[in-house]
Amino acid sequence: MTISGLDLSSLSDGVAVLYYKDIVVNATLFTNGLTVQIGN
């Protein structure tokens, strides 16, 4: 699952903002772990 093109500055009218996103996954689907990537 990806959130492509997420522009946080458009959501908050600023660049340095906190953004929280809850993600619920079925752990049995991941055998090699879960990777979270921030940035390009």
PDB file of N, CA and C in Angstrom:
ATOM      1  N   MET A   1       0.850  -1.168   0.000  1.00  0.00           N
ATOM      2  CA  MET A   1       0.000   0.000   0.000  1.00  0.00           C
ATOM      3  C   MET A   1       0.895   1.230   0.000  1.00  0.00           C
ATOM      4  N   THR A   2       0.609   2.158  -0.854  1.00  0.00           N
ATOM      5  CA  THR A   2       1.367   3.405  -0.889  1.00  0.00           C
ATOM      6  C   THR A   2       0.417   4.586  -0.891  1.00  0.00           C
ATOM      7  N   ILE A   3       0.921   5.707  -0.461  1.00  0.00           N
ATOM      8  CA  ILE A   3       0.192   6.972  -0.555  1.00  0.00           C
ATOM      9  C   ILE A   3       1.031   7.846  -1.468  1.00  0.00           C
ATOM     10  N   SER A   4       0.866   7.694  -2.763  1.00  0.00           N
ATOM     11  CA  SER A   4       1.694   8.443  -3.708  1.00  0.00           C
ATOM     12  C   SER A   4       1.176   9.866  -3.848  1.00  0.00           C
ATOM     13  N   GLY A   5       2.097  10.777  -3.994  1.00  0.00           N
ATOM     14  CA  GLY A   5       1.733  12.170  -4.206  1.00  0.00           C
ATOM     15  C   GLY A   5       1.151  12.852  -2.982  1.00  0.00           C
ATOM     16  N   LEU A   6       1.454  12.351  -1.785  1.00  0.00           N
ATOM     17  CA  LEU A   6       0.943  12.978  -0.571  1.00  0.00           C
ATOM     18  C   LEU A   6       1.732  14.249  -0.301  1.00  0.00           C
ATOM     19  N   ASP A   7       1.070  15.375  -0.350  1.00  0.00           N
ATOM     20  CA  ASP A   7       1.704  16.675  -0.114  1.00  0.00           C
ATOM     21  C   ASP A   7       1.195  17.209   1.219  1.00  0.00           C
ATOM     22  N   LEU A   8       2.009  17.071   2.262  1.00  0.00           N
ATOM     23  CA  LEU A   8       1.572  17.494   3.591  1.00  0.00           C
ATOM     24  C   LEU A   8       1.362  18.996   3.689  1.00  0.00           C
ATOM     25  N   SER A   9       2.100  19.775   2.904  1.00  0.00           N
ATOM     26  CA  SER A   9       1.930  21.224   2.970  1.00  0.00           C
ATOM     27  C   SER A   9       0.553  21.642   2.473  1.00  0.00           C
ATOM     28  N   SER A  10      -0.037  20.859   1.580  1.00  0.00           N
ATOM     29  CA  SER A  10      -1.384  21.197   1.109  1.00  0.00           C
ATOM     30  C   SER A  10      -2.439  20.851   2.152  1.00  0.00           C
ATOM     31  N   LEU A  11      -2.119  19.939   3.065  1.00  0.00           N
ATOM     32  CA  LEU A  11      -3.067  19.566   4.108  1.00  0.00           C
ATOM     33  C   LEU A  11      -3.038  20.518   5.292  1.00  0.00           C
ATOM     34  N   SER A  12      -1.902  21.182   5.510  1.00  0.00           N
ATOM     35  CA  SER A  12      -1.758  21.965   6.733  1.00  0.00           C
ATOM     36  C   SER A  12      -1.279  23.392   6.506  1.00  0.00           C
ATOM     37  N   ASP A  13      -1.116  23.805   5.284  1.00  0.00           N
ATOM     38  CA  ASP A  13      -0.617  25.142   4.950  1.00  0.00           C
ATOM     39  C   ASP A  13       0.767  25.402   5.545  1.00  0.00           C
ATOM     40  N   GLY A  14       1.582  24.376   5.658  1.00  0.00           N
ATOM     41  CA  GLY A  14       2.935  24.528   6.176  1.00  0.00           C
ATOM     42  C   GLY A  14       3.790  23.348   5.766  1.00  0.00           C
ATOM     43  N   VAL A  15       5.103  23.492   5.952  1.00  0.00           N
ATOM     44  CA  VAL A  15       6.014  22.427   5.550  1.00  0.00           C
ATOM     45  C   VAL A  15       6.423  21.575   6.751  1.00  0.00           C
ATOM     46  N   ALA A  16       6.788  22.204   7.852  1.00  0.00           N
ATOM     47  CA  ALA A  16       7.244  21.465   9.031  1.00  0.00           C
ATOM     48  C   ALA A  16       6.049  21.129   9.911  1.00  0.00           C
ATOM     49  N   VAL A  17       5.379  20.053   9.596  1.00  0.00           N
ATOM     50  CA  VAL A  17       4.177  19.666  10.334  1.00  0.00           C
ATOM     51  C   VAL A  17       4.266  18.199  10.746  1.00  0.00           C
ATOM     52  N   LEU A  18       3.572  17.871  11.802  1.00  0.00           N
ATOM     53  CA  LEU A  18       3.442  16.478  12.209  1.00  0.00           C
ATOM     54  C   LEU A  18       2.282  15.852  11.453  1.00  0.00           C
ATOM     55  N   TYR A  19       2.449  14.616  11.042  1.00  0.00           N
ATOM     56  CA  TYR A  19       1.385  13.901  10.339  1.00  0.00           C
ATOM     57  C   TYR A  19       1.366  12.473  10.847  1.00  0.00           C
ATOM     58  N   TYR A  20       0.223  12.045  11.332  1.00  0.00           N
ATOM     59  CA  TYR A  20       0.080  10.695  11.858  1.00  0.00           C
ATOM     60  C   TYR A  20      -0.847   9.899  10.961  1.00  0.00           C
ATOM     61  N   LYS A  21      -0.496   8.662  10.705  1.00  0.00           N
ATOM     62  CA  LYS A  21      -1.324   7.775   9.884  1.00  0.00           C
ATOM     63  C   LYS A  21      -1.314   6.401  10.536  1.00  0.00           C
ATOM     64  N   ASP A  22      -2.479   5.930  10.929  1.00  0.00           N
ATOM     65  CA  ASP A  22      -2.590   4.586  11.487  1.00  0.00           C
ATOM     66  C   ASP A  22      -2.753   3.592  10.358  1.00  0.00           C
ATOM     67  N   ILE A  23      -1.969   2.538  10.410  1.00  0.00           N
ATOM     68  CA  ILE A  23      -2.042   1.488   9.397  1.00  0.00           C
ATOM     69  C   ILE A  23      -2.257   0.165  10.118  1.00  0.00           C
ATOM     70  N   VAL A  24      -3.318  -0.518   9.755  1.00  0.00           N
ATOM     71  CA  VAL A  24      -3.620  -1.819  10.346  1.00  0.00           C
ATOM     72  C   VAL A  24      -3.416  -2.870   9.270  1.00  0.00           C
ATOM     73  N   VAL A  25      -2.585  -3.858   9.571  1.00  0.00           N
ATOM     74  CA  VAL A  25      -2.288  -4.911   8.605  1.00  0.00           C
ATOM     75  C   VAL A  25      -2.469  -6.274   9.261  1.00  0.00           C
ATOM     76  N   ASN A  26      -2.690  -7.263   8.435  1.00  0.00           N
ATOM     77  CA  ASN A  26      -2.757  -8.645   8.887  1.00  0.00           C
ATOM     78  C   ASN A  26      -1.328  -9.177   8.944  1.00  0.00           C
ATOM     79  N   ALA A  27      -0.811  -9.416  10.135  1.00  0.00           N
ATOM     80  CA  ALA A  27       0.592  -9.799  10.308  1.00  0.00           C
ATOM     81  C   ALA A  27       0.926 -11.123   9.634  1.00  0.00           C
ATOM     82  N   THR A  28      -0.044 -11.965   9.401  1.00  0.00           N
ATOM     83  CA  THR A  28       0.242 -13.252   8.766  1.00  0.00           C
ATOM     84  C   THR A  28       0.568 -13.099   7.286  1.00  0.00           C
ATOM     85  N   LEU A  29       0.311 -11.932   6.710  1.00  0.00           N
ATOM     86  CA  LEU A  29       0.621 -11.692   5.302  1.00  0.00           C
ATOM     87  C   LEU A  29       2.090 -11.330   5.086  1.00  0.00           C
ATOM     88  N   PHE A  30       2.815 -11.004   6.155  1.00  0.00           N
ATOM     89  CA  PHE A  30       4.193 -10.542   6.043  1.00  0.00           C
ATOM     90  C   PHE A  30       5.133 -11.589   6.623  1.00  0.00           C
ATOM     91  N   THR A  31       5.924 -12.206   5.767  1.00  0.00           N
ATOM     92  CA  THR A  31       6.880 -13.206   6.244  1.00  0.00           C
ATOM     93  C   THR A  31       8.271 -12.613   6.424  1.00  0.00           C
ATOM     94  N   ASN A  32       8.568 -11.517   5.731  1.00  0.00           N
ATOM     95  CA  ASN A  32       9.896 -10.896   5.808  1.00  0.00           C
ATOM     96  C   ASN A  32       9.856  -9.529   6.471  1.00  0.00           C
ATOM     97  N   GLY A  33       8.824  -9.231   7.207  1.00  0.00           N
ATOM     98  CA  GLY A  33       8.729  -7.946   7.891  1.00  0.00           C
ATOM     99  C   GLY A  33       7.967  -6.915   7.079  1.00  0.00           C
ATOM    100  N   LEU A  34       7.861  -5.733   7.639  1.00  0.00           N
ATOM    101  CA  LEU A  34       7.141  -4.619   7.031  1.00  0.00           C
ATOM    102  C   LEU A  34       8.109  -3.456   6.894  1.00  0.00           C
ATOM    103  N   THR A  35       8.188  -2.869   5.712  1.00  0.00           N
ATOM    104  CA  THR A  35       9.084  -1.750   5.457  1.00  0.00           C
ATOM    105  C   THR A  35       8.277  -0.465   5.342  1.00  0.00           C
ATOM    106  N   VAL A  36       8.702   0.558   6.072  1.00  0.00           N
ATOM    107  CA  VAL A  36       8.088   1.884   5.987  1.00  0.00           C
ATOM    108  C   VAL A  36       9.139   2.818   5.421  1.00  0.00           C
ATOM    109  N   GLN A  37       8.820   3.486   4.310  1.00  0.00           N
ATOM    110  CA  GLN A  37       9.770   4.382   3.655  1.00  0.00           C
ATOM    111  C   GLN A  37       9.207   5.788   3.647  1.00  0.00           C
ATOM    112  N   ILE A  38      10.022   6.735   4.100  1.00  0.00           N
ATOM    113  CA  ILE A  38       9.652   8.147   4.101  1.00  0.00           C
ATOM    114  C   ILE A  38      10.558   8.849   3.104  1.00  0.00           C
ATOM    115  N   GLY A  39       9.999   9.520   2.137  1.00  0.00           N
ATOM    116  CA  GLY A  39      10.797  10.227   1.136  1.00  0.00           C
ATOM    117  C   GLY A  39      10.885   9.449  -0.156  1.00  0.00           C
ATOM    118  N   ASN A  40      11.809   9.867  -1.019  1.00  0.00           N
ATOM    119  CA  ASN A  40      11.951   9.238  -2.340  1.00  0.00           C
ATOM    120  C   ASN A  40      12.850   8.044  -2.307  1.00  0.00           C
TER     121      ASN A  40
END
